[in-house]
Protein backbone atom coordinates (compact mmCIF):
# COMPACT_ATOMS: atom_id res chain seq x y z
CA MET A 1 -71.11 2.20 -83.85
CA VAL A 2 -67.90 2.33 -85.90
CA GLY A 3 -67.24 -1.07 -87.45
CA GLU A 4 -70.64 -2.57 -86.58
CA LYS A 5 -70.58 -4.93 -89.59
CA LEU A 6 -66.95 -5.80 -88.86
CA VAL A 7 -67.71 -6.78 -85.27
CA ALA A 8 -70.76 -8.77 -86.38
CA ARG A 9 -68.59 -10.74 -88.82
CA ALA A 10 -65.99 -11.45 -86.14
CA ARG A 11 -68.73 -12.56 -83.75
CA ARG A 12 -70.00 -15.25 -86.14
CA GLU A 13 -67.24 -17.75 -85.41
CA ILE A 14 -67.39 -17.04 -81.68
CA ASP A 15 -71.14 -17.60 -81.49
CA ALA A 16 -70.84 -20.74 -83.63
CA GLY A 17 -68.21 -22.18 -81.30
CA LEU A 18 -65.58 -22.23 -84.04
CA LEU A 19 -63.15 -20.01 -82.12
CA PRO A 20 -62.75 -19.55 -78.34
CA SER A 21 -62.13 -15.80 -78.52
CA CYS A 22 -60.85 -12.96 -80.65
CA GLN A 23 -59.86 -9.34 -80.27
CA LEU A 24 -60.03 -6.62 -82.91
CA ALA A 25 -59.10 -2.97 -83.06
CA LEU A 26 -59.26 -0.08 -85.49
CA ALA A 27 -57.19 3.08 -85.14
CA ARG A 28 -56.93 6.39 -86.98
CA ASP A 29 -55.09 9.67 -86.42
CA GLY A 30 -53.02 8.01 -83.71
CA LYS A 31 -56.06 6.96 -81.66
CA VAL A 32 -57.97 3.72 -81.16
CA ILE A 33 -61.51 4.08 -82.46
CA LEU A 34 -62.68 0.48 -81.98
CA ASP A 35 -61.47 -2.05 -79.41
CA VAL A 36 -63.53 -5.21 -78.92
CA THR A 37 -62.87 -8.60 -77.32
CA LEU A 38 -65.30 -11.42 -78.09
CA GLY A 39 -65.61 -14.81 -76.40
CA ASP A 40 -63.63 -16.13 -73.44
CA PRO A 41 -59.85 -15.81 -73.83
CA GLY A 42 -59.29 -17.91 -70.71
CA ILE A 43 -57.05 -15.49 -68.83
CA ASP A 44 -56.61 -14.20 -65.31
CA GLY A 45 -58.70 -11.04 -65.29
CA PRO A 46 -61.36 -9.47 -67.51
CA ALA A 47 -61.56 -10.63 -71.13
CA GLU A 48 -60.86 -7.17 -72.52
CA SER A 49 -57.43 -7.15 -70.82
CA ALA A 50 -56.23 -10.17 -72.79
CA ARG A 51 -53.05 -10.24 -74.81
CA TYR A 52 -52.69 -12.60 -77.76
CA LEU A 53 -49.80 -14.43 -79.36
CA MET A 54 -49.47 -12.70 -82.73
CA TYR A 55 -47.22 -15.21 -84.51
CA SER A 56 -45.61 -13.77 -87.65
CA SER A 57 -47.17 -10.36 -87.14
CA THR A 58 -44.21 -10.07 -84.74
CA LYS A 59 -41.93 -9.62 -87.74
CA ALA A 60 -43.05 -6.00 -88.08
CA LEU A 61 -41.69 -5.28 -84.58
CA THR A 62 -38.31 -6.87 -85.24
CA ALA A 63 -38.14 -4.98 -88.53
CA GLY A 64 -38.86 -1.74 -86.67
CA ALA A 65 -35.58 -2.18 -84.76
CA VAL A 66 -33.64 -3.08 -87.91
CA TRP A 67 -34.82 0.08 -89.71
CA GLN A 68 -33.28 2.17 -86.95
CA LEU A 69 -29.96 0.36 -87.34
CA LEU A 70 -30.05 0.89 -91.09
CA ALA A 71 -30.62 4.59 -90.52
CA ASP A 72 -27.70 5.03 -88.11
CA GLY A 73 -25.35 3.00 -90.27
CA SER A 74 -24.89 0.12 -87.82
CA LEU A 75 -26.18 -2.14 -90.60
CA LYS A 76 -26.42 -1.70 -94.35
CA LEU A 77 -28.68 -3.56 -96.76
CA ASP A 78 -25.65 -5.13 -98.42
CA THR A 79 -24.02 -6.07 -95.10
CA ARG A 80 -23.24 -9.76 -95.20
CA ALA A 81 -24.68 -11.36 -92.08
CA GLY A 82 -21.66 -13.63 -91.80
CA ASP A 83 -19.33 -10.64 -91.55
CA VAL A 84 -21.09 -9.60 -88.34
CA VAL A 85 -21.98 -13.10 -87.11
CA PRO A 86 -19.05 -15.35 -88.16
CA GLU A 87 -20.84 -18.44 -86.81
CA PHE A 88 -23.38 -18.00 -89.62
CA ALA A 89 -20.78 -17.79 -92.42
CA THR A 90 -20.69 -21.50 -93.26
CA ASN A 91 -21.92 -23.80 -96.02
CA GLY A 92 -22.21 -21.01 -98.58
CA LYS A 93 -24.26 -18.72 -96.32
CA GLU A 94 -21.46 -16.15 -96.12
CA VAL A 95 -23.04 -14.27 -99.06
CA VAL A 96 -26.45 -13.73 -97.37
CA THR A 97 -27.22 -10.03 -96.87
CA VAL A 98 -29.41 -8.07 -94.50
CA GLU A 99 -31.72 -7.16 -97.38
CA GLN A 100 -32.19 -10.82 -98.31
CA LEU A 101 -33.04 -11.68 -94.70
CA LEU A 102 -35.75 -9.01 -94.67
CA LEU A 103 -37.11 -10.00 -98.09
CA HIS A 104 -37.24 -13.77 -97.48
CA THR A 105 -34.84 -14.38 -100.37
CA ALA A 106 -31.97 -15.60 -98.16
CA GLY A 107 -32.17 -19.24 -99.24
CA PHE A 108 -32.69 -21.16 -95.99
CA PRO A 109 -36.45 -21.02 -95.30
CA MET A 110 -36.69 -24.29 -93.37
CA ALA A 111 -33.42 -24.15 -91.40
CA PRO A 112 -34.23 -25.94 -88.13
CA LEU A 113 -34.23 -24.14 -84.78
CA GLY A 114 -36.79 -24.78 -82.07
CA PRO A 115 -37.18 -25.50 -78.37
CA PRO A 116 -35.23 -25.93 -76.22
CA ASP A 117 -32.23 -24.78 -78.32
CA TRP A 118 -33.74 -21.38 -79.19
CA SER A 119 -33.66 -20.36 -75.52
CA SER A 120 -29.82 -20.52 -75.51
CA ARG A 121 -27.74 -18.06 -77.54
CA GLU A 122 -24.89 -20.56 -77.62
CA LYS A 123 -27.17 -23.25 -79.04
CA ARG A 124 -28.63 -20.84 -81.58
CA LEU A 125 -25.16 -20.03 -82.88
CA GLU A 126 -24.35 -23.73 -83.09
CA ARG A 127 -27.44 -24.21 -85.23
CA PHE A 128 -26.50 -21.25 -87.45
CA ALA A 129 -23.21 -22.97 -88.28
CA LYS A 130 -24.95 -26.19 -89.32
CA TRP A 131 -27.60 -24.63 -91.55
CA ARG A 132 -27.34 -25.16 -95.30
CA LEU A 133 -28.84 -23.31 -98.23
CA ASN A 134 -31.80 -24.66 -100.16
CA TRP A 135 -31.05 -22.37 -103.10
CA GLU A 136 -28.77 -19.49 -104.08
CA PRO A 137 -29.60 -16.39 -102.01
CA GLY A 138 -31.42 -13.69 -103.94
CA THR A 139 -32.64 -15.97 -106.73
CA ARG A 140 -36.10 -16.80 -105.41
CA PHE A 141 -38.63 -15.91 -102.74
CA GLU A 142 -39.74 -18.43 -100.16
CA TYR A 143 -41.19 -17.41 -96.83
CA HIS A 144 -38.77 -17.93 -93.93
CA PRO A 145 -41.11 -18.54 -90.95
CA SER A 146 -38.46 -18.11 -88.27
CA ALA A 147 -34.85 -18.80 -89.32
CA ALA A 148 -34.07 -15.47 -91.01
CA HIS A 149 -35.39 -13.48 -88.06
CA TRP A 150 -33.19 -15.37 -85.64
CA VAL A 151 -30.25 -14.14 -87.71
CA LEU A 152 -31.67 -10.60 -87.69
CA ALA A 153 -32.03 -10.82 -83.91
CA GLU A 154 -28.38 -11.83 -83.59
CA LEU A 155 -27.34 -8.98 -85.87
CA ILE A 156 -29.26 -6.57 -83.61
CA GLU A 157 -27.39 -7.94 -80.60
CA ARG A 158 -23.96 -7.82 -82.25
CA VAL A 159 -24.17 -4.20 -83.39
CA THR A 160 -25.90 -2.82 -80.27
CA GLY A 161 -24.35 -5.01 -77.57
CA THR A 162 -27.85 -5.42 -76.14
CA ASP A 163 -30.36 -8.29 -76.05
CA PHE A 164 -32.59 -8.03 -79.13
CA ARG A 165 -35.75 -8.09 -77.00
CA GLN A 166 -34.53 -5.17 -74.95
CA VAL A 167 -33.69 -3.25 -78.13
CA ILE A 168 -37.19 -3.79 -79.53
CA HIS A 169 -38.78 -2.72 -76.25
CA GLU A 170 -36.58 0.24 -75.34
CA ARG A 171 -35.91 1.68 -78.79
CA VAL A 172 -39.20 0.96 -80.56
CA LEU A 173 -42.16 0.11 -78.34
CA ASP A 174 -41.58 1.99 -75.10
CA PRO A 175 -41.06 5.39 -76.82
CA LEU A 176 -44.48 4.85 -78.37
CA GLY A 177 -46.07 4.07 -75.00
CA LEU A 178 -46.83 0.50 -76.09
CA HIS A 179 -45.82 -1.26 -72.89
CA ARG A 180 -48.06 -4.34 -73.25
CA LEU A 181 -46.78 -5.12 -76.73
CA ARG A 182 -43.80 -7.37 -76.00
CA VAL A 183 -41.36 -9.80 -77.58
CA GLY A 184 -40.46 -12.08 -74.69
CA VAL A 185 -42.59 -12.07 -71.52
CA PRO A 186 -41.36 -13.32 -68.11
CA ARG A 187 -43.47 -16.18 -66.80
CA ALA A 188 -44.69 -14.14 -63.85
CA GLU A 189 -46.24 -11.67 -66.31
CA GLN A 190 -48.00 -14.15 -68.59
CA GLY A 191 -51.33 -14.42 -66.78
CA ASP A 192 -53.07 -12.12 -69.27
CA ILE A 193 -51.93 -14.02 -72.39
CA ALA A 194 -54.74 -16.04 -73.97
CA PRO A 195 -53.79 -19.74 -74.17
CA VAL A 196 -53.72 -21.17 -77.67
CA SER A 197 -55.91 -24.09 -78.69
CA THR A 198 -56.63 -25.96 -81.91
CA VAL A 199 -60.19 -25.97 -83.20
CA GLY A 200 -62.12 -27.35 -86.15
CA GLU A 201 -61.31 -30.01 -88.70
CA PRO A 202 -59.03 -29.63 -91.71
CA PRO A 203 -60.61 -29.29 -95.15
CA THR A 204 -61.03 -32.41 -97.18
CA ALA A 205 -58.93 -33.11 -100.24
CA GLU A 206 -62.02 -32.40 -102.32
CA GLU A 207 -62.50 -28.98 -100.70
CA LEU A 208 -58.85 -28.08 -101.29
CA GLU A 209 -59.02 -29.25 -104.89
CA ALA A 210 -62.14 -27.21 -105.54
CA ALA A 211 -60.76 -24.05 -103.93
CA LEU A 212 -57.05 -24.19 -104.75
CA GLY A 213 -56.60 -26.81 -107.42
CA ILE A 214 -54.44 -28.97 -105.14
CA ALA A 215 -55.38 -31.91 -102.93
CA ASN A 216 -53.15 -31.08 -99.96
CA LEU A 217 -51.18 -28.25 -98.37
CA ASP A 218 -47.70 -28.60 -96.88
CA PRO A 219 -47.45 -26.21 -93.89
CA GLY A 220 -43.72 -26.79 -93.54
CA GLU A 221 -42.65 -25.92 -90.00
CA VAL A 222 -45.85 -23.93 -89.35
CA THR A 223 -47.89 -26.87 -88.10
CA ASP A 224 -50.63 -26.55 -85.51
CA ALA A 225 -48.47 -28.54 -83.09
CA ALA A 226 -45.59 -26.09 -83.55
CA LEU A 227 -47.91 -23.11 -83.09
CA VAL A 228 -49.32 -24.53 -79.86
CA THR A 229 -45.75 -25.15 -78.66
CA LEU A 230 -44.87 -21.53 -79.33
CA GLY A 231 -47.58 -20.51 -76.88
CA ARG A 232 -46.13 -22.45 -73.95
CA PRO A 233 -44.81 -20.35 -71.05
CA GLU A 234 -41.15 -21.19 -71.60
CA ASN A 235 -41.39 -20.19 -75.27
CA LEU A 236 -43.36 -17.01 -74.63
CA GLU A 237 -40.45 -16.07 -72.38
CA VAL A 238 -37.96 -16.60 -75.22
CA GLY A 239 -39.66 -14.07 -77.49
CA VAL A 240 -39.09 -15.72 -80.87
CA PRO A 241 -38.25 -12.73 -83.13
CA GLY A 242 -40.18 -14.04 -86.12
CA GLY A 243 -43.31 -15.19 -84.31
CA GLY A 244 -43.31 -14.92 -80.52
CA GLY A 245 -44.63 -11.42 -79.87
CA VAL A 246 -47.73 -10.83 -77.77
CA GLY A 247 -50.01 -7.91 -77.22
CA PRO A 248 -53.50 -6.50 -77.29
CA ALA A 249 -54.91 -5.71 -80.72
CA SER A 250 -55.31 -2.07 -79.70
CA GLU A 251 -51.59 -1.55 -79.12
CA MET A 252 -50.66 -3.28 -82.36
CA ALA A 253 -53.10 -1.01 -84.18
CA LEU A 254 -51.33 1.95 -82.57
CA TYR A 255 -47.96 0.56 -83.68
CA TYR A 256 -49.22 0.70 -87.25
CA GLN A 257 -50.44 4.24 -86.64
CA ALA A 258 -46.86 5.04 -85.64
CA LEU A 259 -45.68 3.59 -88.96
CA LEU A 260 -48.10 5.96 -90.69
CA HIS A 261 -47.26 9.09 -88.68
CA ASN A 262 -43.74 8.52 -87.22
CA PRO A 263 -44.38 10.36 -83.92
CA GLY A 264 -41.31 12.11 -82.57
CA GLY A 265 -39.32 11.04 -85.60
CA LEU A 266 -38.74 7.61 -84.07
CA TRP A 267 -37.57 6.34 -87.45
CA ASP A 268 -35.61 8.08 -90.16
CA ALA A 269 -38.29 9.33 -92.57
CA GLY A 270 -36.54 7.98 -95.64
CA TRP A 271 -36.05 4.48 -94.29
CA LEU A 272 -39.62 4.38 -92.94
CA ALA A 273 -41.02 5.43 -96.31
CA ASP A 274 -38.93 2.73 -97.97
CA ALA A 275 -40.03 0.02 -95.54
CA THR A 276 -43.73 0.87 -95.72
CA GLY A 277 -44.02 1.93 -99.35
CA ARG A 278 -41.41 0.39 -101.62
CA ILE A 279 -41.93 -3.07 -103.06
CA ARG A 280 -38.41 -4.48 -103.32
CA CYS A 281 -39.29 -8.10 -104.16
CA THR A 282 -41.88 -9.25 -106.69
CA LEU A 283 -40.51 -12.77 -107.09
CA PRO A 284 -43.43 -15.23 -107.06
CA ASP A 285 -44.56 -16.71 -103.76
CA PRO A 286 -44.67 -20.48 -104.36
CA MET A 287 -47.39 -20.91 -101.73
CA ILE A 288 -49.93 -18.60 -103.35
CA GLY A 289 -48.68 -18.36 -106.94
CA VAL A 290 -48.61 -14.55 -107.16
CA ALA A 291 -45.93 -11.87 -106.79
CA SER A 292 -44.65 -11.74 -103.21
CA ASN A 293 -44.71 -7.90 -103.01
CA ARG A 294 -42.23 -7.64 -100.15
CA SER A 295 -40.74 -4.51 -98.65
CA LEU A 296 -38.04 -4.41 -95.97
CA GLY A 297 -39.86 -6.57 -93.44
CA LEU A 298 -43.49 -6.11 -94.54
CA GLY A 299 -45.89 -7.03 -97.31
CA ILE A 300 -47.59 -4.46 -99.57
CA ALA A 301 -51.00 -4.98 -101.14
CA GLY A 302 -50.17 -3.81 -104.66
CA ASP A 303 -52.41 -2.99 -107.60
CA ASP A 304 -52.35 -6.29 -109.51
CA GLY A 305 -55.69 -7.52 -108.17
CA ASN A 306 -54.07 -10.13 -105.91
CA ALA A 307 -53.99 -8.18 -102.64
CA ALA A 308 -56.46 -10.57 -101.00
CA PHE A 309 -53.87 -13.33 -101.31
CA ARG A 310 -51.25 -11.30 -99.43
CA GLN A 311 -51.13 -10.76 -95.66
CA ASN A 312 -54.93 -11.01 -95.27
CA PHE A 313 -55.30 -7.57 -96.83
CA GLY A 314 -58.84 -8.08 -98.10
CA ARG A 315 -60.51 -6.73 -101.23
CA THR A 316 -61.18 -3.10 -100.34
CA CYS A 317 -57.82 -1.90 -99.00
CA SER A 318 -55.85 0.51 -101.16
CA PRO A 319 -52.85 -0.75 -103.14
CA ARG A 320 -50.58 1.10 -100.70
CA THR A 321 -51.74 -0.92 -97.68
CA PHE A 322 -48.83 -2.49 -95.81
CA GLY A 323 -48.61 -4.98 -92.97
CA HIS A 324 -47.77 -8.48 -91.84
CA ALA A 325 -50.23 -11.26 -91.05
CA GLY A 326 -49.61 -14.19 -88.71
CA ALA A 327 -50.44 -17.87 -88.47
CA GLY A 328 -53.86 -18.77 -87.17
CA GLY A 329 -55.52 -15.92 -89.03
CA GLN A 330 -53.85 -12.96 -87.27
CA ILE A 331 -54.18 -9.68 -89.17
CA ALA A 332 -52.24 -6.41 -88.86
CA TRP A 333 -52.08 -3.64 -91.45
CA ALA A 334 -52.34 0.07 -92.14
CA ASP A 335 -53.77 1.83 -95.18
CA PRO A 336 -52.11 5.18 -95.96
CA ASP A 337 -55.02 6.23 -98.17
CA THR A 338 -57.61 6.10 -95.37
CA GLY A 339 -55.31 6.46 -92.38
CA LEU A 340 -56.85 3.36 -90.84
CA SER A 341 -54.95 0.57 -89.13
CA PHE A 342 -56.61 -2.74 -88.35
CA VAL A 343 -55.60 -5.66 -86.14
CA TYR A 344 -57.38 -8.95 -85.45
CA PHE A 345 -56.03 -11.60 -83.09
CA THR A 346 -57.48 -14.94 -82.04
CA ASN A 347 -56.26 -17.74 -79.79
CA GLY A 348 -58.04 -20.39 -81.85
CA LEU A 349 -55.98 -22.22 -84.45
CA ASP A 350 -58.63 -23.14 -87.00
CA ALA A 351 -57.58 -26.36 -88.75
CA HIS A 352 -59.89 -25.50 -91.64
CA VAL A 353 -57.44 -23.28 -93.48
CA LEU A 354 -59.95 -22.35 -96.18
CA ARG A 355 -62.42 -21.02 -93.62
CA GLN A 356 -59.58 -19.22 -91.86
CA GLY A 357 -58.48 -17.57 -95.10
CA ARG A 358 -61.99 -16.51 -96.04
CA ARG A 359 -62.51 -15.05 -92.58
CA GLY A 360 -59.36 -12.96 -92.93
CA VAL A 361 -60.36 -11.56 -96.31
CA ALA A 362 -63.87 -10.76 -95.05
CA LEU A 363 -62.65 -9.03 -91.89
CA SER A 364 -60.04 -6.93 -93.68
CA SER A 365 -62.50 -6.01 -96.40
CA LEU A 366 -65.02 -4.77 -93.84
CA ALA A 367 -62.35 -3.01 -91.77
CA ALA A 368 -61.05 -1.04 -94.75
CA VAL A 369 -64.46 0.55 -95.31
CA ALA A 370 -65.54 0.78 -91.66
CA LEU A 371 -65.77 4.58 -91.84
CA ASP A 372 -67.75 4.73 -95.10
């Protein structure tokens, strides 16, 4: 069987009771070649029909809509967000550009916006106006878990006149036949989404010190409580553009195949090549201490030996591998050298972040060589 060692590795945490369920898929040449669901996702219907909350892997879908707008000239990389969204142009933020939003160099990584305000466009705009910069835009990299993508979503709406979720669905996902991959799901259609739960115990200070050289980790806004909240029905309906997408692993693997092959010329070839192949930001990531290696909305593995620290890429992917991971250990990438795309989703938020990280590296490493 293709990926036998990969599936066996994924099964370990399920059999040990460390995770409630997971789903993994491999695709190549535009087709799914492995699609497995393990454990009990706790949904209405058979386990293999489950969809999973993908957290920040969603960012690749939002970026897919932005690339189209860059190609048709609706947006430019040097467009100042505040020129399109005047409510955002306050407190020094009027200089923030579209490129900086995509590269996480925009300067407001922890700007607050959560439920219930994020369900109201009016409230979102009110929050935009209150946000302040933590540092001068463009001078450093710091991951923006959600704030920058709310601004990108508003930019999509301003230049298209259409709800950002509808744009992502109708202009990106539906043309690819990916109808179960969604950003924003009505409550009546949420019965197949695996409920999120927290599992395990956090690592001790001694474990963190031994592995990372620090005694504690600051998750910022990406706490387990916040991640569980994101999985509630009312928030799944919102479709948070930086972390609220849902789908089966198989369809996300096919999305990455589309990024490799651009069926029907869905994207301008030049912009797609830029987004999936050009590292535009190498500023250091303060969380992991290595170059951030960011393209326009994605991460790229790179050839500096630190790929395993980026986006759960693993140790055997090629330097050209691109993708975007998500909280809770979600994995999504494509490797142009092998033509493989790999996606792993779970509904278990493992509090032991070291175990979670090691699992991601192991799974990606096995996936990258699944055809060898």
